[in-house]
N, C-alpha and C. Protein backbone atom coordinates (compact mmCIF):
# COMPACT_ATOMS: atom_id res chain seq x y z
N UNK A 1 25.35 16.93 -23.64
CA UNK A 1 24.78 15.62 -23.45
C UNK A 1 24.96 15.21 -21.99
N UNK A 2 23.89 14.72 -21.35
CA UNK A 2 24.01 14.34 -19.96
C UNK A 2 24.93 13.15 -19.78
N UNK A 3 25.51 13.07 -18.58
CA UNK A 3 26.38 11.94 -18.26
C UNK A 3 25.58 10.65 -18.31
N UNK A 4 26.26 9.57 -18.69
CA UNK A 4 25.55 8.29 -18.71
C UNK A 4 25.25 7.87 -17.27
N UNK A 5 24.10 7.26 -17.08
CA UNK A 5 23.69 6.92 -15.72
C UNK A 5 24.62 5.89 -15.09
N UNK A 6 24.87 6.12 -13.80
CA UNK A 6 25.62 5.17 -13.01
C UNK A 6 24.70 4.67 -11.91
N UNK A 7 25.00 3.51 -11.41
CA UNK A 7 24.21 3.00 -10.30
C UNK A 7 24.52 3.82 -9.05
N UNK A 8 23.61 3.81 -8.11
CA UNK A 8 23.83 4.53 -6.86
C UNK A 8 25.03 3.94 -6.13
N UNK A 9 25.25 2.65 -6.25
CA UNK A 9 26.42 2.02 -5.62
C UNK A 9 27.71 2.60 -6.20
N UNK A 10 27.73 2.80 -7.53
CA UNK A 10 28.92 3.39 -8.17
C UNK A 10 29.11 4.83 -7.72
N UNK A 11 28.02 5.60 -7.68
CA UNK A 11 28.13 7.00 -7.25
C UNK A 11 28.68 7.11 -5.84
N UNK A 12 28.26 6.21 -4.99
CA UNK A 12 28.68 6.24 -3.58
C UNK A 12 29.96 5.45 -3.34
N UNK A 13 30.54 4.93 -4.43
CA UNK A 13 31.78 4.16 -4.37
C UNK A 13 31.66 3.00 -3.37
N UNK A 14 30.55 2.35 -3.47
CA UNK A 14 30.25 1.23 -2.57
C UNK A 14 30.86 -0.03 -3.15
N UNK A 15 31.56 -0.76 -2.34
CA UNK A 15 32.26 -1.96 -2.81
C UNK A 15 31.38 -3.21 -2.78
N UNK A 16 30.48 -3.28 -1.82
CA UNK A 16 29.63 -4.47 -1.69
C UNK A 16 28.26 -4.17 -2.29
N UNK A 17 27.62 -5.18 -2.86
CA UNK A 17 26.26 -4.95 -3.38
C UNK A 17 25.28 -4.71 -2.23
N UNK A 18 24.18 -4.04 -2.56
CA UNK A 18 23.13 -3.84 -1.56
C UNK A 18 22.54 -5.20 -1.19
N UNK A 19 22.17 -5.38 0.06
CA UNK A 19 21.59 -6.66 0.47
C UNK A 19 20.26 -6.96 -0.21
N UNK A 20 19.49 -5.89 -0.53
CA UNK A 20 18.20 -6.08 -1.20
C UNK A 20 18.00 -4.98 -2.22
N UNK A 21 17.16 -5.25 -3.18
CA UNK A 21 16.79 -4.22 -4.17
C UNK A 21 16.04 -3.10 -3.47
N UNK A 22 15.24 -3.42 -2.47
CA UNK A 22 14.50 -2.40 -1.73
C UNK A 22 15.45 -1.40 -1.07
N UNK A 23 16.54 -1.90 -0.49
CA UNK A 23 17.51 -0.99 0.12
C UNK A 23 18.17 -0.12 -0.94
N UNK A 24 18.52 -0.72 -2.07
CA UNK A 24 19.12 0.05 -3.16
C UNK A 24 18.15 1.13 -3.64
N UNK A 25 16.88 0.79 -3.77
CA UNK A 25 15.88 1.76 -4.21
C UNK A 25 15.75 2.90 -3.21
N UNK A 26 15.73 2.57 -1.92
CA UNK A 26 15.63 3.61 -0.90
C UNK A 26 16.82 4.56 -0.96
N UNK A 27 18.02 4.01 -1.06
CA UNK A 27 19.22 4.85 -1.13
C UNK A 27 19.21 5.67 -2.43
N UNK A 28 18.74 5.08 -3.52
CA UNK A 28 18.67 5.81 -4.79
C UNK A 28 17.70 6.99 -4.69
N UNK A 29 16.56 6.80 -4.05
CA UNK A 29 15.60 7.89 -3.87
C UNK A 29 16.22 8.99 -3.00
N UNK A 30 16.87 8.59 -1.91
CA UNK A 30 17.49 9.58 -1.02
C UNK A 30 18.59 10.35 -1.72
N UNK A 31 19.41 9.66 -2.50
CA UNK A 31 20.51 10.30 -3.22
C UNK A 31 19.96 11.26 -4.28
N UNK A 32 18.95 10.82 -5.00
CA UNK A 32 18.34 11.66 -6.03
C UNK A 32 17.72 12.91 -5.41
N UNK A 33 16.99 12.73 -4.31
CA UNK A 33 16.38 13.87 -3.63
C UNK A 33 17.45 14.87 -3.19
N UNK A 34 18.56 14.38 -2.68
CA UNK A 34 19.64 15.27 -2.24
C UNK A 34 20.22 16.05 -3.41
N UNK A 35 20.39 15.40 -4.55
CA UNK A 35 20.92 16.09 -5.73
C UNK A 35 19.95 17.14 -6.26
N UNK A 36 18.66 16.81 -6.29
CA UNK A 36 17.66 17.77 -6.74
C UNK A 36 17.60 18.95 -5.77
N UNK A 37 17.65 18.65 -4.47
CA UNK A 37 17.63 19.70 -3.44
C UNK A 37 18.82 20.64 -3.63
N UNK A 38 20.00 20.07 -3.90
CA UNK A 38 21.21 20.88 -4.09
C UNK A 38 21.09 21.75 -5.34
N UNK A 39 20.57 21.18 -6.43
CA UNK A 39 20.41 21.95 -7.67
C UNK A 39 19.44 23.11 -7.45
N UNK A 40 18.36 22.86 -6.71
CA UNK A 40 17.40 23.93 -6.42
C UNK A 40 18.05 25.00 -5.54
N UNK A 41 18.80 24.57 -4.53
CA UNK A 41 19.47 25.53 -3.64
C UNK A 41 20.40 26.44 -4.43
N UNK A 42 21.11 25.88 -5.42
CA UNK A 42 22.02 26.69 -6.24
C UNK A 42 21.26 27.74 -7.05
N UNK A 43 19.97 27.50 -7.30
CA UNK A 43 19.17 28.46 -8.08
C UNK A 43 18.53 29.52 -7.19
N UNK A 44 18.16 29.16 -5.96
CA UNK A 44 17.41 30.12 -5.12
C UNK A 44 18.31 30.91 -4.19
N UNK A 45 19.38 30.33 -3.68
CA UNK A 45 20.22 31.02 -2.71
C UNK A 45 20.87 32.30 -3.23
N UNK A 46 21.24 32.39 -4.53
CA UNK A 46 21.76 33.67 -5.02
C UNK A 46 20.75 34.83 -4.91
N UNK A 47 19.48 34.48 -4.73
CA UNK A 47 18.44 35.51 -4.58
C UNK A 47 18.23 35.89 -3.12
N UNK A 48 19.06 35.34 -2.23
CA UNK A 48 19.03 35.73 -0.83
C UNK A 48 18.04 34.98 0.04
N UNK A 49 17.52 33.88 -0.45
CA UNK A 49 16.61 33.08 0.37
C UNK A 49 17.01 31.61 0.32
N UNK A 50 16.53 30.87 1.30
CA UNK A 50 16.81 29.43 1.37
C UNK A 50 15.75 28.67 0.57
N UNK A 51 16.02 27.41 0.28
CA UNK A 51 14.99 26.60 -0.38
C UNK A 51 13.70 26.53 0.45
N UNK A 52 13.80 26.46 1.75
CA UNK A 52 12.59 26.42 2.59
C UNK A 52 11.80 27.73 2.47
N UNK A 53 12.51 28.86 2.44
CA UNK A 53 11.82 30.15 2.26
C UNK A 53 11.20 30.24 0.87
N UNK A 54 11.90 29.73 -0.14
CA UNK A 54 11.34 29.69 -1.48
C UNK A 54 10.04 28.90 -1.47
N UNK A 55 10.04 27.78 -0.79
CA UNK A 55 8.85 26.94 -0.71
C UNK A 55 7.69 27.70 -0.08
N UNK A 56 7.94 28.45 0.99
CA UNK A 56 6.89 29.24 1.63
C UNK A 56 6.34 30.26 0.65
N UNK A 57 7.22 30.96 -0.05
CA UNK A 57 6.76 31.96 -1.03
C UNK A 57 5.94 31.32 -2.14
N UNK A 58 6.39 30.17 -2.61
CA UNK A 58 5.67 29.46 -3.66
C UNK A 58 4.26 29.07 -3.18
N UNK A 59 4.17 28.60 -1.96
CA UNK A 59 2.87 28.23 -1.39
C UNK A 59 1.96 29.45 -1.28
N UNK A 60 2.51 30.55 -0.80
CA UNK A 60 1.69 31.76 -0.63
C UNK A 60 1.30 32.37 -1.97
N UNK A 61 2.14 32.25 -2.98
CA UNK A 61 1.75 32.72 -4.31
C UNK A 61 0.54 31.92 -4.79
N UNK A 62 0.58 30.61 -4.56
CA UNK A 62 -0.53 29.75 -4.97
C UNK A 62 -1.81 30.02 -4.20
N UNK A 63 -1.67 30.53 -2.98
CA UNK A 63 -2.86 30.80 -2.15
C UNK A 63 -3.61 32.03 -2.63
N UNK A 64 -2.96 32.90 -3.39
CA UNK A 64 -3.63 34.10 -3.89
C UNK A 64 -3.85 35.14 -2.81
N UNK A 65 -4.81 36.02 -3.06
CA UNK A 65 -5.06 37.16 -2.18
C UNK A 65 -5.55 36.78 -0.79
N UNK A 66 -6.16 35.61 -0.66
CA UNK A 66 -6.70 35.21 0.64
C UNK A 66 -5.61 34.79 1.61
N UNK A 67 -4.44 34.43 1.10
CA UNK A 67 -3.36 33.98 1.97
C UNK A 67 -3.71 32.67 2.65
N UNK A 68 -2.91 32.31 3.64
CA UNK A 68 -3.13 31.07 4.38
C UNK A 68 -2.74 31.26 5.84
N UNK A 69 -3.41 30.53 6.73
CA UNK A 69 -2.94 30.52 8.12
C UNK A 69 -1.54 29.90 8.19
N UNK A 70 -0.77 30.32 9.17
CA UNK A 70 0.60 29.84 9.32
C UNK A 70 0.68 28.32 9.33
N UNK A 71 -0.20 27.67 10.07
CA UNK A 71 -0.14 26.21 10.16
C UNK A 71 -0.50 25.53 8.84
N UNK A 72 -1.34 26.17 8.04
CA UNK A 72 -1.66 25.62 6.72
C UNK A 72 -0.43 25.70 5.81
N UNK A 73 0.34 26.78 5.93
CA UNK A 73 1.59 26.89 5.17
C UNK A 73 2.51 25.75 5.59
N UNK A 74 2.66 25.55 6.89
CA UNK A 74 3.53 24.48 7.40
C UNK A 74 3.10 23.12 6.84
N UNK A 75 1.80 22.87 6.82
CA UNK A 75 1.30 21.57 6.35
C UNK A 75 1.53 21.35 4.86
N UNK A 76 1.72 22.41 4.10
CA UNK A 76 1.90 22.29 2.65
C UNK A 76 3.37 22.27 2.23
N UNK A 77 4.28 22.44 3.17
CA UNK A 77 5.70 22.43 2.82
C UNK A 77 6.11 21.10 2.21
N UNK A 78 6.97 21.16 1.22
CA UNK A 78 7.48 19.94 0.60
C UNK A 78 8.32 19.17 1.61
N UNK A 79 9.17 19.89 2.32
CA UNK A 79 9.99 19.29 3.37
C UNK A 79 9.61 19.95 4.69
N UNK A 80 9.58 19.15 5.74
CA UNK A 80 9.25 19.69 7.05
C UNK A 80 10.27 20.74 7.44
N UNK A 81 9.79 21.80 8.05
CA UNK A 81 10.67 22.84 8.58
C UNK A 81 10.38 22.95 10.07
N UNK A 82 11.41 22.86 10.91
CA UNK A 82 11.17 22.86 12.35
C UNK A 82 10.59 24.17 12.87
N UNK A 83 10.88 25.27 12.22
CA UNK A 83 10.41 26.56 12.73
C UNK A 83 9.72 27.38 11.67
N UNK A 84 8.45 27.07 11.40
CA UNK A 84 7.72 27.83 10.38
C UNK A 84 7.61 29.30 10.77
N UNK A 85 7.46 29.57 12.07
CA UNK A 85 7.35 30.96 12.51
C UNK A 85 8.63 31.72 12.19
N UNK A 86 9.78 31.10 12.45
CA UNK A 86 11.06 31.77 12.14
C UNK A 86 11.21 31.99 10.64
N UNK A 87 10.81 31.00 9.84
CA UNK A 87 10.89 31.16 8.38
C UNK A 87 10.08 32.38 7.94
N UNK A 88 8.86 32.46 8.45
CA UNK A 88 7.98 33.56 8.05
C UNK A 88 8.47 34.88 8.63
N UNK A 89 9.03 34.85 9.84
CA UNK A 89 9.62 36.07 10.43
C UNK A 89 10.68 36.66 9.49
N UNK A 90 11.56 35.80 8.98
CA UNK A 90 12.63 36.27 8.10
C UNK A 90 12.07 36.82 6.79
N UNK A 91 11.07 36.14 6.25
CA UNK A 91 10.46 36.62 5.01
C UNK A 91 9.72 37.93 5.23
N UNK A 92 9.09 38.07 6.38
CA UNK A 92 8.40 39.32 6.70
C UNK A 92 9.40 40.45 6.89
N UNK A 93 10.52 40.18 7.57
CA UNK A 93 11.55 41.20 7.78
C UNK A 93 12.13 41.68 6.44
N UNK A 94 12.16 40.77 5.47
CA UNK A 94 12.67 41.11 4.13
C UNK A 94 11.61 41.78 3.26
N UNK A 95 10.39 41.91 3.78
CA UNK A 95 9.32 42.55 3.02
C UNK A 95 8.68 41.65 1.97
N UNK A 96 8.89 40.35 2.08
CA UNK A 96 8.38 39.41 1.07
C UNK A 96 7.03 38.80 1.47
N UNK A 97 6.72 38.87 2.76
CA UNK A 97 5.49 38.30 3.31
C UNK A 97 4.93 39.29 4.32
N UNK A 98 3.62 39.32 4.45
CA UNK A 98 2.99 40.08 5.53
C UNK A 98 2.02 39.17 6.26
N UNK A 99 1.80 39.48 7.52
CA UNK A 99 0.89 38.68 8.34
C UNK A 99 -0.18 39.59 8.91
N UNK A 100 -1.37 39.02 9.10
CA UNK A 100 -2.42 39.75 9.81
C UNK A 100 -3.30 38.75 10.54
N UNK A 101 -3.99 39.25 11.52
CA UNK A 101 -4.91 38.42 12.29
C UNK A 101 -6.30 38.57 11.69
N UNK A 102 -7.05 37.48 11.68
CA UNK A 102 -8.39 37.54 11.10
C UNK A 102 -9.34 38.18 12.10
N UNK A 103 -10.37 38.82 11.59
CA UNK A 103 -11.36 39.47 12.45
C UNK A 103 -12.18 38.44 13.22
N UNK A 104 -12.42 37.27 12.60
CA UNK A 104 -13.24 36.24 13.24
C UNK A 104 -12.53 35.62 14.43
N UNK A 105 -11.26 35.28 14.26
CA UNK A 105 -10.51 34.59 15.30
C UNK A 105 -9.15 35.24 15.42
N UNK A 106 -8.97 36.05 16.44
CA UNK A 106 -7.73 36.82 16.60
C UNK A 106 -6.51 35.92 16.81
N UNK A 107 -6.75 34.65 17.13
CA UNK A 107 -5.63 33.73 17.33
C UNK A 107 -5.05 33.27 15.99
N UNK A 108 -5.83 33.34 14.93
CA UNK A 108 -5.38 32.88 13.62
C UNK A 108 -4.61 33.99 12.91
N UNK A 109 -3.40 33.65 12.52
CA UNK A 109 -2.56 34.59 11.78
C UNK A 109 -2.51 34.11 10.33
N UNK A 110 -2.91 35.00 9.42
CA UNK A 110 -2.87 34.67 7.99
C UNK A 110 -1.62 35.28 7.39
N UNK A 111 -1.01 34.53 6.50
CA UNK A 111 0.20 34.98 5.81
C UNK A 111 -0.15 35.27 4.36
N UNK A 112 0.43 36.34 3.85
CA UNK A 112 0.19 36.77 2.47
C UNK A 112 1.53 37.10 1.83
N UNK A 113 1.67 36.78 0.57
CA UNK A 113 2.87 37.19 -0.16
C UNK A 113 2.69 38.65 -0.57
N UNK A 114 3.74 39.42 -0.50
CA UNK A 114 3.70 40.84 -0.86
C UNK A 114 4.05 41.00 -2.34
N UNK A 115 3.82 42.19 -2.89
CA UNK A 115 4.27 42.42 -4.27
C UNK A 115 5.77 42.17 -4.45
N UNK A 116 6.57 42.52 -3.43
CA UNK A 116 8.01 42.26 -3.51
C UNK A 116 8.29 40.76 -3.55
N UNK A 117 7.52 39.98 -2.79
CA UNK A 117 7.66 38.53 -2.81
C UNK A 117 7.29 37.95 -4.16
N UNK A 118 6.21 38.47 -4.74
CA UNK A 118 5.80 38.02 -6.07
C UNK A 118 6.86 38.35 -7.12
N UNK A 119 7.43 39.55 -7.01
CA UNK A 119 8.47 39.96 -7.96
C UNK A 119 9.71 39.07 -7.83
N UNK A 120 10.07 38.74 -6.60
CA UNK A 120 11.22 37.86 -6.39
C UNK A 120 10.95 36.48 -7.01
N UNK A 121 9.78 35.92 -6.76
CA UNK A 121 9.46 34.62 -7.35
C UNK A 121 9.48 34.69 -8.87
N UNK A 122 9.00 35.77 -9.42
CA UNK A 122 9.00 35.91 -10.88
C UNK A 122 10.44 35.88 -11.42
N UNK A 123 11.36 36.54 -10.71
CA UNK A 123 12.77 36.51 -11.13
C UNK A 123 13.36 35.11 -10.98
N UNK A 124 12.84 34.35 -10.04
CA UNK A 124 13.37 33.01 -9.77
C UNK A 124 12.73 31.93 -10.62
N UNK A 125 11.63 32.22 -11.28
CA UNK A 125 10.92 31.21 -12.05
C UNK A 125 11.81 30.55 -13.10
N UNK A 126 12.54 31.34 -13.87
CA UNK A 126 13.39 30.78 -14.93
C UNK A 126 14.50 29.89 -14.36
N UNK A 127 15.24 30.35 -13.33
CA UNK A 127 16.26 29.46 -12.78
C UNK A 127 15.69 28.16 -12.20
N UNK A 128 14.53 28.23 -11.59
CA UNK A 128 13.91 27.02 -11.04
C UNK A 128 13.47 26.10 -12.18
N UNK A 129 12.98 26.69 -13.27
CA UNK A 129 12.61 25.87 -14.42
C UNK A 129 13.81 25.14 -15.01
N UNK A 130 15.02 25.67 -14.80
CA UNK A 130 16.23 24.97 -15.25
C UNK A 130 16.35 23.61 -14.56
N UNK A 131 16.02 23.57 -13.28
CA UNK A 131 16.07 22.29 -12.55
C UNK A 131 15.02 21.35 -13.11
N UNK A 132 13.83 21.87 -13.38
CA UNK A 132 12.78 21.05 -13.98
C UNK A 132 13.22 20.53 -15.35
N UNK A 133 13.92 21.36 -16.11
CA UNK A 133 14.39 20.96 -17.44
C UNK A 133 15.44 19.86 -17.34
N UNK A 134 16.31 19.92 -16.33
CA UNK A 134 17.30 18.86 -16.13
C UNK A 134 16.58 17.54 -15.85
N UNK A 135 15.56 17.61 -15.02
CA UNK A 135 14.77 16.42 -14.69
C UNK A 135 14.12 15.87 -15.96
N UNK A 136 13.49 16.75 -16.72
CA UNK A 136 12.79 16.32 -17.94
C UNK A 136 13.76 15.74 -18.96
N UNK A 137 14.98 16.28 -19.02
CA UNK A 137 15.97 15.75 -19.96
C UNK A 137 16.38 14.33 -19.58
N UNK A 138 16.38 14.05 -18.28
CA UNK A 138 16.76 12.71 -17.83
C UNK A 138 15.65 11.71 -18.09
N UNK A 139 14.41 12.20 -18.16
CA UNK A 139 13.26 11.32 -18.35
C UNK A 139 12.26 12.04 -19.25
N UNK A 140 12.56 12.12 -20.56
CA UNK A 140 11.74 12.94 -21.46
C UNK A 140 10.35 12.37 -21.75
N UNK A 141 10.16 11.08 -21.57
CA UNK A 141 8.86 10.48 -21.87
C UNK A 141 7.87 10.79 -20.75
N UNK A 142 6.79 11.47 -21.09
CA UNK A 142 5.78 11.85 -20.09
C UNK A 142 5.18 10.62 -19.40
N UNK A 143 5.09 9.51 -20.11
CA UNK A 143 4.55 8.29 -19.48
C UNK A 143 5.50 7.79 -18.39
N UNK A 144 6.81 7.91 -18.62
CA UNK A 144 7.78 7.53 -17.59
C UNK A 144 7.67 8.46 -16.39
N UNK A 145 7.52 9.75 -16.67
CA UNK A 145 7.37 10.73 -15.59
C UNK A 145 6.12 10.41 -14.76
N UNK A 146 5.02 10.10 -15.44
CA UNK A 146 3.77 9.77 -14.75
C UNK A 146 3.95 8.52 -13.90
N UNK A 147 4.64 7.53 -14.45
CA UNK A 147 4.89 6.28 -13.70
C UNK A 147 5.71 6.58 -12.45
N UNK A 148 6.73 7.41 -12.58
CA UNK A 148 7.54 7.78 -11.42
C UNK A 148 6.69 8.50 -10.37
N UNK A 149 5.88 9.44 -10.81
CA UNK A 149 4.99 10.15 -9.88
C UNK A 149 4.10 9.15 -9.15
N UNK A 150 3.53 8.21 -9.87
CA UNK A 150 2.66 7.21 -9.26
C UNK A 150 3.41 6.31 -8.29
N UNK A 151 4.61 5.86 -8.67
CA UNK A 151 5.41 5.01 -7.78
C UNK A 151 5.79 5.76 -6.50
N UNK A 152 6.15 7.01 -6.64
CA UNK A 152 6.51 7.80 -5.46
C UNK A 152 5.29 8.04 -4.57
N UNK A 153 4.12 8.25 -5.18
CA UNK A 153 2.90 8.42 -4.39
C UNK A 153 2.59 7.14 -3.59
N UNK A 154 2.76 6.00 -4.23
CA UNK A 154 2.53 4.73 -3.53
C UNK A 154 3.53 4.58 -2.38
N UNK A 155 4.76 4.99 -2.61
CA UNK A 155 5.77 4.90 -1.56
C UNK A 155 5.42 5.81 -0.39
N UNK A 156 5.03 7.05 -0.69
CA UNK A 156 4.64 7.97 0.41
C UNK A 156 3.43 7.45 1.17
N UNK A 157 2.50 6.86 0.47
CA UNK A 157 1.30 6.31 1.14
C UNK A 157 1.68 5.16 2.06
N UNK A 158 2.61 4.34 1.65
CA UNK A 158 3.03 3.21 2.47
C UNK A 158 3.82 3.64 3.70
N UNK A 159 4.57 4.72 3.55
CA UNK A 159 5.43 5.19 4.64
C UNK A 159 4.66 6.09 5.61
N UNK A 160 3.85 6.96 5.05
CA UNK A 160 3.28 7.99 5.90
C UNK A 160 1.85 7.87 6.17
């Protein structure tokens, strides 16, 4: 049975109340994101890659055989990564990604996931689904999940 929910102020052992509900909500989103990020890291790092590298592989798996230009991969990352080239360099060195230049524009480098990259993601699918299951257990009602998705989309639109 999951732990009973505590307020973010209790989790952070904060003695004074938040000055506004908006500040409490912001801190709660940041705290939740950090916990989800940590849970994901615990699932992917035993496979020898970082969460950012996992994200690149996930994006390239979704791109299929056509792959994606490096900058398109960067634009699709869940979290910004300062060095997309370094991320892809490491994945390529591990044999999980390959790069090639297009015939039309030699300046464009396309990235593709390799069979080894696909196999690694397949092994990681179940552990990553564990994180999704923890999330779903905390909010089992699909309508609540949809509402959260919508609220977060509105927040991202207002900020970015």
